[in-house]
Amino acid sequence: TLSADVVQAFRRIHRMEPRRKVLKPTVNFTRKLSDLLRKMKIAHLVNAESGPFVLDVVERDRKIVYECNHFDRYYAGATEKIATMCLQERVVKAMGYKIVQIPHWQWNKIKHRKQRSEYLRMSRYYAIKDSRELLPRDEVPQDVALNEFDYLGEYFFKKVPDVC
């Protein structure tokens, strides 16, 4: 058995909470997005921790993540994401989240608040309705022809020599 001092030390350690990560201050882009979501009455969390990642904005009721893709998430002078962000996106999708991508050049191009909220609403809708993630990537695509008559379309208008 352990001594009383050791038991007390273990109890104190057991009650201790782990140190929280020091979060970076919220970027203006993320703050504006959060304000729009609040006006759209969508409950969300900003700078939410999920696994090893700190996600920009996460909805509370659905598994949807809003990625505010700032300029520092892209290669210099390109529209291609850096490798770490691509990996994060794949892992977050594997965790079961839908991702709404909001690139900074698209967001900055839209000046009016109503247009931004409409852009956000449509991006959210497309992320929810996107069914490409449901099928496994390695699955062989199914043939769209349902019966043998579906293959006849390419021969239907072919001229057949008249035999009299």
N, C-alpha and C. Protein backbone atom coordinates (compact mmCIF):
# COMPACT_ATOMS: atom_id res chain seq x y z
N THR A 1 0.83 -1.18 0.00
CA THR A 1 0.00 0.00 0.00
C THR A 1 0.87 1.25 0.00
N LEU A 2 0.25 2.33 -0.40
CA LEU A 2 0.98 3.60 -0.48
C LEU A 2 0.78 4.40 0.79
N SER A 3 1.73 5.27 1.05
CA SER A 3 1.60 6.12 2.23
C SER A 3 0.53 7.18 1.99
N ALA A 4 0.07 7.81 3.04
CA ALA A 4 -1.00 8.81 2.95
C ALA A 4 -0.57 10.02 2.14
N ASP A 5 0.72 10.41 2.25
CA ASP A 5 1.21 11.56 1.48
C ASP A 5 1.16 11.28 -0.02
N VAL A 6 1.54 10.08 -0.41
CA VAL A 6 1.53 9.72 -1.84
C VAL A 6 0.11 9.66 -2.36
N VAL A 7 -0.81 9.10 -1.58
CA VAL A 7 -2.22 9.04 -1.98
C VAL A 7 -2.77 10.45 -2.16
N GLN A 8 -2.45 11.36 -1.24
CA GLN A 8 -2.91 12.74 -1.35
C GLN A 8 -2.33 13.41 -2.60
N ALA A 9 -1.06 13.14 -2.90
CA ALA A 9 -0.43 13.73 -4.09
C ALA A 9 -1.12 13.22 -5.35
N PHE A 10 -1.42 11.93 -5.41
CA PHE A 10 -2.12 11.37 -6.57
C PHE A 10 -3.51 11.98 -6.72
N ARG A 11 -4.18 12.18 -5.59
CA ARG A 11 -5.52 12.79 -5.65
C ARG A 11 -5.46 14.21 -6.17
N ARG A 12 -4.44 14.98 -5.72
CA ARG A 12 -4.28 16.35 -6.22
C ARG A 12 -3.99 16.35 -7.72
N ILE A 13 -3.11 15.45 -8.16
CA ILE A 13 -2.78 15.38 -9.59
C ILE A 13 -3.99 14.96 -10.41
N HIS A 14 -4.78 14.04 -9.86
CA HIS A 14 -5.97 13.56 -10.56
C HIS A 14 -6.98 14.68 -10.77
N ARG A 15 -7.09 15.59 -9.80
CA ARG A 15 -8.04 16.70 -9.90
C ARG A 15 -7.54 17.83 -10.79
N MET A 16 -6.25 17.86 -11.08
CA MET A 16 -5.69 18.96 -11.88
C MET A 16 -6.19 18.87 -13.31
N GLU A 17 -6.43 20.01 -13.90
CA GLU A 17 -6.81 20.06 -15.31
C GLU A 17 -5.56 20.30 -16.13
N PRO A 18 -5.53 19.71 -17.33
CA PRO A 18 -4.35 19.94 -18.18
C PRO A 18 -4.28 21.40 -18.61
N ARG A 19 -3.09 21.84 -18.91
CA ARG A 19 -2.92 23.23 -19.36
C ARG A 19 -3.59 23.41 -20.71
N ARG A 20 -4.29 24.51 -20.82
CA ARG A 20 -4.95 24.82 -22.09
C ARG A 20 -3.94 25.44 -23.04
N LYS A 21 -4.13 25.15 -24.32
CA LYS A 21 -3.27 25.76 -25.32
C LYS A 21 -3.57 27.25 -25.39
N VAL A 22 -2.54 28.03 -25.60
CA VAL A 22 -2.75 29.46 -25.78
C VAL A 22 -3.18 29.67 -27.22
N LEU A 23 -4.43 30.11 -27.40
CA LEU A 23 -4.96 30.29 -28.74
C LEU A 23 -4.53 31.63 -29.31
N LYS A 24 -4.33 31.61 -30.62
CA LYS A 24 -4.03 32.86 -31.30
C LYS A 24 -5.27 33.74 -31.28
N PRO A 25 -5.11 35.05 -31.29
CA PRO A 25 -6.30 35.90 -31.31
C PRO A 25 -7.09 35.68 -32.61
N THR A 26 -8.39 35.85 -32.52
CA THR A 26 -9.26 35.62 -33.66
C THR A 26 -8.97 36.65 -34.74
N VAL A 27 -8.83 36.17 -35.96
CA VAL A 27 -8.55 37.03 -37.11
C VAL A 27 -9.84 37.76 -37.49
N ASN A 28 -9.71 38.93 -38.08
CA ASN A 28 -10.85 39.74 -38.46
C ASN A 28 -11.78 38.99 -39.42
N PHE A 29 -11.20 38.23 -40.34
CA PHE A 29 -11.95 37.43 -41.30
C PHE A 29 -12.86 36.45 -40.55
N THR A 30 -12.31 35.75 -39.58
CA THR A 30 -13.08 34.78 -38.80
C THR A 30 -14.14 35.48 -37.96
N ARG A 31 -13.80 36.63 -37.42
CA ARG A 31 -14.76 37.39 -36.61
C ARG A 31 -15.96 37.83 -37.46
N LYS A 32 -15.70 38.30 -38.68
CA LYS A 32 -16.80 38.72 -39.56
C LYS A 32 -17.67 37.53 -39.94
N LEU A 33 -17.04 36.40 -40.20
CA LEU A 33 -17.78 35.19 -40.54
C LEU A 33 -18.66 34.78 -39.35
N SER A 34 -18.12 34.85 -38.15
CA SER A 34 -18.88 34.50 -36.95
C SER A 34 -20.07 35.44 -36.76
N ASP A 35 -19.88 36.72 -37.01
CA ASP A 35 -20.98 37.67 -36.90
C ASP A 35 -22.09 37.35 -37.89
N LEU A 36 -21.72 36.98 -39.11
CA LEU A 36 -22.73 36.63 -40.10
C LEU A 36 -23.48 35.37 -39.70
N LEU A 37 -22.77 34.37 -39.19
CA LEU A 37 -23.44 33.16 -38.74
C LEU A 37 -24.39 33.44 -37.59
N ARG A 38 -23.99 34.35 -36.71
CA ARG A 38 -24.85 34.73 -35.59
C ARG A 38 -26.12 35.40 -36.11
N LYS A 39 -25.99 36.26 -37.13
CA LYS A 39 -27.17 36.92 -37.70
C LYS A 39 -28.06 35.93 -38.44
N MET A 40 -27.45 34.86 -38.98
CA MET A 40 -28.22 33.82 -39.65
C MET A 40 -28.81 32.83 -38.65
N LYS A 41 -28.57 33.08 -37.35
CA LYS A 41 -29.05 32.24 -36.26
C LYS A 41 -28.53 30.81 -36.34
N ILE A 42 -27.24 30.68 -36.66
CA ILE A 42 -26.57 29.38 -36.68
C ILE A 42 -25.63 29.33 -35.48
N ALA A 43 -25.93 28.43 -34.54
CA ALA A 43 -25.10 28.31 -33.34
C ALA A 43 -23.75 27.72 -33.71
N HIS A 44 -22.68 28.33 -33.20
CA HIS A 44 -21.34 27.91 -33.60
C HIS A 44 -20.31 28.24 -32.51
N LEU A 45 -19.14 27.64 -32.66
CA LEU A 45 -18.01 27.91 -31.77
C LEU A 45 -16.85 28.42 -32.62
N VAL A 46 -16.14 29.40 -32.12
CA VAL A 46 -14.98 29.95 -32.82
C VAL A 46 -13.71 29.41 -32.16
N ASN A 47 -12.71 29.07 -32.98
CA ASN A 47 -11.44 28.49 -32.52
C ASN A 47 -11.68 27.27 -31.62
N ALA A 48 -12.48 26.35 -32.13
CA ALA A 48 -12.82 25.14 -31.37
C ALA A 48 -11.72 24.10 -31.54
N GLU A 49 -11.39 23.44 -30.43
CA GLU A 49 -10.40 22.37 -30.48
C GLU A 49 -11.11 21.06 -30.78
N SER A 50 -10.58 20.34 -31.76
CA SER A 50 -11.11 19.03 -32.09
C SER A 50 -9.93 18.15 -32.45
N GLY A 51 -9.64 17.21 -31.58
CA GLY A 51 -8.45 16.39 -31.79
C GLY A 51 -7.22 17.27 -31.69
N PRO A 52 -6.28 17.10 -32.61
CA PRO A 52 -5.06 17.90 -32.56
C PRO A 52 -5.20 19.28 -33.21
N PHE A 53 -6.38 19.59 -33.75
CA PHE A 53 -6.55 20.80 -34.54
C PHE A 53 -7.35 21.86 -33.79
N VAL A 54 -7.09 23.10 -34.14
CA VAL A 54 -7.93 24.22 -33.72
C VAL A 54 -8.66 24.68 -34.98
N LEU A 55 -9.96 24.43 -35.01
CA LEU A 55 -10.77 24.73 -36.20
C LEU A 55 -11.33 26.14 -36.09
N ASP A 56 -11.40 26.82 -37.23
CA ASP A 56 -11.83 28.23 -37.25
C ASP A 56 -13.22 28.40 -36.65
N VAL A 57 -14.22 27.81 -37.31
CA VAL A 57 -15.60 27.91 -36.85
C VAL A 57 -16.25 26.53 -37.00
N VAL A 58 -16.93 26.09 -35.95
CA VAL A 58 -17.61 24.79 -35.96
C VAL A 58 -19.05 25.01 -35.54
N GLU A 59 -20.00 24.45 -36.31
CA GLU A 59 -21.40 24.53 -35.91
C GLU A 59 -21.65 23.63 -34.72
N ARG A 60 -22.59 24.04 -33.87
CA ARG A 60 -22.89 23.24 -32.69
C ARG A 60 -23.86 22.12 -32.99
N ASP A 61 -24.82 22.34 -33.88
CA ASP A 61 -25.88 21.36 -34.12
C ASP A 61 -25.52 20.33 -35.19
N ARG A 62 -24.64 20.67 -36.09
CA ARG A 62 -24.24 19.77 -37.17
C ARG A 62 -22.73 19.64 -37.19
N LYS A 63 -22.27 18.61 -37.86
CA LYS A 63 -20.82 18.42 -37.96
C LYS A 63 -20.32 19.17 -39.20
N ILE A 64 -20.31 20.48 -39.08
CA ILE A 64 -19.86 21.35 -40.18
C ILE A 64 -18.76 22.25 -39.66
N VAL A 65 -17.68 22.33 -40.45
CA VAL A 65 -16.55 23.19 -40.12
C VAL A 65 -16.44 24.26 -41.20
N TYR A 66 -16.28 25.50 -40.78
CA TYR A 66 -16.05 26.60 -41.72
C TYR A 66 -14.56 26.90 -41.68
N GLU A 67 -13.89 26.71 -42.82
CA GLU A 67 -12.46 27.01 -42.90
C GLU A 67 -12.30 28.38 -43.52
N CYS A 68 -11.83 29.32 -42.73
CA CYS A 68 -11.52 30.66 -43.24
C CYS A 68 -10.10 30.60 -43.79
N ASN A 69 -10.00 30.40 -45.07
CA ASN A 69 -8.69 30.19 -45.68
C ASN A 69 -8.00 31.52 -45.94
N HIS A 70 -7.17 31.93 -44.99
CA HIS A 70 -6.42 33.17 -45.10
C HIS A 70 -5.31 33.00 -46.13
N PHE A 71 -4.63 34.08 -46.44
CA PHE A 71 -3.55 34.04 -47.42
C PHE A 71 -2.41 33.15 -46.96
N ASP A 72 -2.22 33.00 -45.64
CA ASP A 72 -1.10 32.20 -45.15
C ASP A 72 -1.34 30.69 -45.26
N ARG A 73 -2.51 30.29 -45.71
CA ARG A 73 -2.80 28.87 -45.90
C ARG A 73 -2.58 28.43 -47.35
N TYR A 74 -2.06 29.32 -48.15
CA TYR A 74 -1.79 29.02 -49.56
C TYR A 74 -0.31 29.24 -49.85
N TYR A 75 0.17 28.58 -50.90
CA TYR A 75 1.52 28.85 -51.36
C TYR A 75 1.58 30.28 -51.88
N ALA A 76 2.75 30.90 -51.83
CA ALA A 76 2.90 32.30 -52.22
C ALA A 76 2.53 32.49 -53.69
N GLY A 77 1.63 33.40 -53.94
CA GLY A 77 1.23 33.73 -55.31
C GLY A 77 0.46 32.64 -56.01
N ALA A 78 -0.18 31.73 -55.28
CA ALA A 78 -0.92 30.63 -55.90
C ALA A 78 -2.25 30.44 -55.17
N THR A 79 -3.11 29.67 -55.79
CA THR A 79 -4.40 29.35 -55.17
C THR A 79 -4.42 27.90 -54.68
N GLU A 80 -3.25 27.31 -54.58
CA GLU A 80 -3.14 25.93 -54.10
C GLU A 80 -2.81 25.94 -52.60
N LYS A 81 -3.54 25.14 -51.83
CA LYS A 81 -3.31 25.10 -50.38
C LYS A 81 -1.98 24.44 -50.05
N ILE A 82 -1.40 24.87 -48.93
CA ILE A 82 -0.17 24.24 -48.49
C ILE A 82 -0.48 22.82 -48.00
N ALA A 83 0.54 21.98 -47.97
CA ALA A 83 0.35 20.56 -47.69
C ALA A 83 -0.26 20.31 -46.30
N THR A 84 0.15 21.09 -45.31
CA THR A 84 -0.39 20.86 -43.96
C THR A 84 -1.89 21.13 -43.90
N MET A 85 -2.36 22.12 -44.65
CA MET A 85 -3.79 22.41 -44.66
C MET A 85 -4.56 21.32 -45.41
N CYS A 86 -3.96 20.78 -46.47
CA CYS A 86 -4.61 19.68 -47.19
C CYS A 86 -4.74 18.46 -46.29
N LEU A 87 -3.69 18.18 -45.53
CA LEU A 87 -3.71 17.05 -44.62
C LEU A 87 -4.74 17.28 -43.51
N GLN A 88 -4.79 18.49 -42.97
CA GLN A 88 -5.78 18.79 -41.94
C GLN A 88 -7.19 18.60 -42.48
N GLU A 89 -7.43 19.05 -43.71
CA GLU A 89 -8.75 18.90 -44.32
C GLU A 89 -9.13 17.43 -44.46
N ARG A 90 -8.19 16.61 -44.89
CA ARG A 90 -8.48 15.17 -45.04
C ARG A 90 -8.78 14.52 -43.70
N VAL A 91 -8.04 14.89 -42.66
CA VAL A 91 -8.25 14.30 -41.34
C VAL A 91 -9.59 14.75 -40.77
N VAL A 92 -9.93 16.02 -40.94
CA VAL A 92 -11.20 16.53 -40.43
C VAL A 92 -12.37 15.88 -41.15
N LYS A 93 -12.24 15.67 -42.46
CA LYS A 93 -13.28 14.95 -43.20
C LYS A 93 -13.40 13.52 -42.71
N ALA A 94 -12.27 12.89 -42.40
CA ALA A 94 -12.29 11.52 -41.89
C ALA A 94 -12.94 11.46 -40.51
N MET A 95 -12.91 12.56 -39.77
CA MET A 95 -13.56 12.62 -38.46
C MET A 95 -15.07 12.78 -38.61
N GLY A 96 -15.56 12.91 -39.84
CA GLY A 96 -17.00 12.97 -40.08
C GLY A 96 -17.56 14.36 -40.28
N TYR A 97 -16.71 15.36 -40.38
CA TYR A 97 -17.18 16.73 -40.58
C TYR A 97 -17.34 17.05 -42.06
N LYS A 98 -18.30 17.92 -42.36
CA LYS A 98 -18.39 18.52 -43.69
C LYS A 98 -17.64 19.84 -43.59
N ILE A 99 -16.94 20.22 -44.67
CA ILE A 99 -16.12 21.43 -44.62
C ILE A 99 -16.66 22.46 -45.61
N VAL A 100 -16.87 23.66 -45.11
CA VAL A 100 -17.25 24.80 -45.94
C VAL A 100 -15.99 25.62 -46.16
N GLN A 101 -15.52 25.65 -47.39
CA GLN A 101 -14.30 26.39 -47.73
C GLN A 101 -14.66 27.84 -48.05
N ILE A 102 -13.97 28.76 -47.42
CA ILE A 102 -14.18 30.18 -47.72
C ILE A 102 -12.81 30.81 -47.97
N PRO A 103 -12.40 30.90 -49.23
CA PRO A 103 -11.10 31.49 -49.53
C PRO A 103 -11.12 33.01 -49.36
N HIS A 104 -9.97 33.55 -48.96
CA HIS A 104 -9.90 34.99 -48.65
C HIS A 104 -10.13 35.85 -49.88
N TRP A 105 -9.68 35.42 -51.06
CA TRP A 105 -9.87 36.26 -52.24
C TRP A 105 -11.34 36.33 -52.64
N GLN A 106 -12.10 35.28 -52.38
CA GLN A 106 -13.53 35.29 -52.68
C GLN A 106 -14.26 36.17 -51.67
N TRP A 107 -13.89 36.04 -50.40
CA TRP A 107 -14.53 36.81 -49.34
C TRP A 107 -14.26 38.30 -49.51
N ASN A 108 -13.02 38.65 -49.83
CA ASN A 108 -12.67 40.07 -49.97
C ASN A 108 -13.28 40.70 -51.22
N LYS A 109 -13.57 39.88 -52.22
CA LYS A 109 -14.19 40.40 -53.44
C LYS A 109 -15.63 40.83 -53.19
N ILE A 110 -16.30 40.18 -52.24
CA ILE A 110 -17.70 40.49 -51.93
C ILE A 110 -17.72 41.58 -50.87
N LYS A 111 -18.28 42.72 -51.21
CA LYS A 111 -18.24 43.88 -50.31
C LYS A 111 -19.51 44.01 -49.46
N HIS A 112 -20.67 43.68 -50.02
CA HIS A 112 -21.92 43.91 -49.31
C HIS A 112 -22.23 42.76 -48.36
N ARG A 113 -22.79 43.12 -47.22
CA ARG A 113 -23.07 42.14 -46.18
C ARG A 113 -24.10 41.10 -46.63
N LYS A 114 -25.12 41.54 -47.37
CA LYS A 114 -26.15 40.61 -47.83
C LYS A 114 -25.57 39.60 -48.82
N GLN A 115 -24.68 40.08 -49.69
CA GLN A 115 -24.05 39.16 -50.64
C GLN A 115 -23.16 38.17 -49.92
N ARG A 116 -22.47 38.62 -48.88
CA ARG A 116 -21.62 37.71 -48.11
C ARG A 116 -22.46 36.65 -47.40
N SER A 117 -23.58 37.07 -46.83
CA SER A 117 -24.43 36.09 -46.14
C SER A 117 -25.02 35.11 -47.14
N GLU A 118 -25.36 35.58 -48.33
CA GLU A 118 -25.88 34.68 -49.37
C GLU A 118 -24.79 33.71 -49.83
N TYR A 119 -23.57 34.20 -49.98
CA TYR A 119 -22.45 33.34 -50.36
C TYR A 119 -22.20 32.28 -49.29
N LEU A 120 -22.28 32.69 -48.04
CA LEU A 120 -22.08 31.77 -46.92
C LEU A 120 -23.19 30.73 -46.87
N ARG A 121 -24.42 31.17 -47.08
CA ARG A 121 -25.57 30.26 -47.05
C ARG A 121 -25.46 29.21 -48.16
N MET A 122 -25.09 29.65 -49.36
CA MET A 122 -24.98 28.72 -50.49
C MET A 122 -23.78 27.78 -50.32
N SER A 123 -22.68 28.28 -49.78
CA SER A 123 -21.52 27.42 -49.53
C SER A 123 -21.86 26.35 -48.51
N ARG A 124 -22.61 26.73 -47.51
CA ARG A 124 -23.05 25.78 -46.48
C ARG A 124 -23.97 24.73 -47.09
N TYR A 125 -24.90 25.18 -47.93
CA TYR A 125 -25.83 24.26 -48.58
C TYR A 125 -25.09 23.25 -49.44
N TYR A 126 -24.13 23.73 -50.24
CA TYR A 126 -23.38 22.82 -51.11
C TYR A 126 -22.52 21.84 -50.31
N ALA A 127 -22.00 22.28 -49.17
CA ALA A 127 -21.21 21.37 -48.33
C ALA A 127 -22.09 20.29 -47.72
N ILE A 128 -23.30 20.65 -47.34
CA ILE A 128 -24.21 19.66 -46.74
C ILE A 128 -24.68 18.66 -47.80
N LYS A 129 -25.01 19.14 -48.98
CA LYS A 129 -25.60 18.29 -50.01
C LYS A 129 -24.56 17.55 -50.86
N ASP A 130 -23.29 17.83 -50.66
CA ASP A 130 -22.25 17.19 -51.46
C ASP A 130 -22.17 15.70 -51.11
N SER A 131 -22.46 14.85 -52.09
CA SER A 131 -22.49 13.41 -51.82
C SER A 131 -21.23 12.71 -52.31
N ARG A 132 -20.26 13.46 -52.80
CA ARG A 132 -19.04 12.81 -53.29
C ARG A 132 -18.26 12.12 -52.19
N GLU A 133 -18.40 12.59 -50.97
CA GLU A 133 -17.64 12.00 -49.87
C GLU A 133 -18.25 10.69 -49.38
N LEU A 134 -19.46 10.39 -49.81
CA LEU A 134 -20.14 9.20 -49.30
C LEU A 134 -19.61 7.91 -49.90
N LEU A 135 -19.14 7.96 -51.15
CA LEU A 135 -18.63 6.76 -51.81
C LEU A 135 -17.15 6.58 -51.52
N PRO A 136 -16.70 5.35 -51.31
CA PRO A 136 -15.27 5.12 -51.14
C PRO A 136 -14.51 5.49 -52.41
N ARG A 137 -13.30 6.00 -52.25
CA ARG A 137 -12.54 6.46 -53.41
C ARG A 137 -12.09 5.32 -54.30
N ASP A 138 -11.87 4.15 -53.73
CA ASP A 138 -11.33 3.04 -54.51
C ASP A 138 -12.41 2.21 -55.19
N GLU A 139 -13.67 2.55 -54.97
CA GLU A 139 -14.75 1.77 -55.56
C GLU A 139 -14.81 1.98 -57.07
N VAL A 140 -15.03 0.89 -57.79
CA VAL A 140 -15.14 0.97 -59.25
C VAL A 140 -16.45 1.66 -59.59
N PRO A 141 -16.43 2.66 -60.50
CA PRO A 141 -17.67 3.34 -60.83
C PRO A 141 -18.66 2.40 -61.51
N GLN A 142 -19.93 2.57 -61.17
CA GLN A 142 -20.96 1.72 -61.75
C GLN A 142 -21.31 2.20 -63.15
N ASP A 143 -21.71 1.25 -63.98
CA ASP A 143 -22.12 1.57 -65.34
C ASP A 143 -23.50 2.22 -65.28
N VAL A 144 -23.67 3.32 -65.98
CA VAL A 144 -24.94 4.03 -65.93
C VAL A 144 -26.00 3.39 -66.81
N ALA A 145 -25.60 2.50 -67.71
CA ALA A 145 -26.56 1.81 -68.57
C ALA A 145 -27.33 0.79 -67.74
N LEU A 146 -28.65 0.87 -67.78
CA LEU A 146 -29.47 -0.01 -66.98
C LEU A 146 -29.83 -1.31 -67.70
N ASN A 147 -29.94 -1.25 -69.02
CA ASN A 147 -30.26 -2.45 -69.79
C ASN A 147 -29.55 -2.38 -71.14
N GLU A 148 -29.77 -3.41 -71.97
CA GLU A 148 -29.03 -3.46 -73.24
C GLU A 148 -29.45 -2.38 -74.22
N PHE A 149 -30.64 -1.82 -74.06
CA PHE A 149 -31.10 -0.78 -74.98
C PHE A 149 -30.38 0.55 -74.75
N ASP A 150 -29.80 0.74 -73.57
CA ASP A 150 -29.07 1.97 -73.31
C ASP A 150 -27.79 2.07 -74.13
N TYR A 151 -27.26 0.93 -74.57
CA TYR A 151 -26.05 0.93 -75.39
C TYR A 151 -26.34 1.21 -76.85
N LEU A 152 -27.62 1.18 -77.24
CA LEU A 152 -27.96 1.31 -78.65
C LEU A 152 -27.97 2.74 -79.14
N GLY A 153 -27.90 3.72 -78.25
CA GLY A 153 -28.00 5.11 -78.65
C GLY A 153 -26.98 5.52 -79.68
N GLU A 154 -25.75 5.02 -79.55
CA GLU A 154 -24.72 5.44 -80.50
C GLU A 154 -24.92 4.82 -81.88
N TYR A 155 -25.66 3.73 -81.97
CA TYR A 155 -25.91 3.10 -83.26
C TYR A 155 -27.26 3.46 -83.85
N PHE A 156 -28.07 4.17 -83.09
CA PHE A 156 -29.44 4.44 -83.51
C PHE A 156 -29.49 5.29 -84.78
N PHE A 157 -28.61 6.29 -84.88
CA PHE A 157 -28.65 7.20 -86.02
C PHE A 157 -27.68 6.80 -87.12
N LYS A 158 -27.03 5.68 -86.98
CA LYS A 158 -26.10 5.23 -87.99
C LYS A 158 -26.88 4.80 -89.23
N LYS A 159 -26.39 5.24 -90.38
CA LYS A 159 -27.10 4.91 -91.62
C LYS A 159 -26.87 3.43 -91.95
N VAL A 160 -27.96 2.80 -92.24
CA VAL A 160 -27.91 1.39 -92.60
C VAL A 160 -28.13 1.32 -94.11
N PRO A 161 -27.27 0.59 -94.85
CA PRO A 161 -27.48 0.50 -96.30
C PRO A 161 -28.81 -0.20 -96.62
N ASP A 162 -29.52 0.36 -97.58
CA ASP A 162 -30.81 -0.21 -97.98
C ASP A 162 -30.57 -1.51 -98.75
N VAL A 163 -31.23 -2.56 -98.33
CA VAL A 163 -31.16 -3.82 -99.03
C VAL A 163 -32.54 -4.10 -99.60
N CYS A 164 -32.64 -4.10 -100.92
CA CYS A 164 -33.94 -4.35 -101.53
C CYS A 164 -33.91 -5.56 -102.40
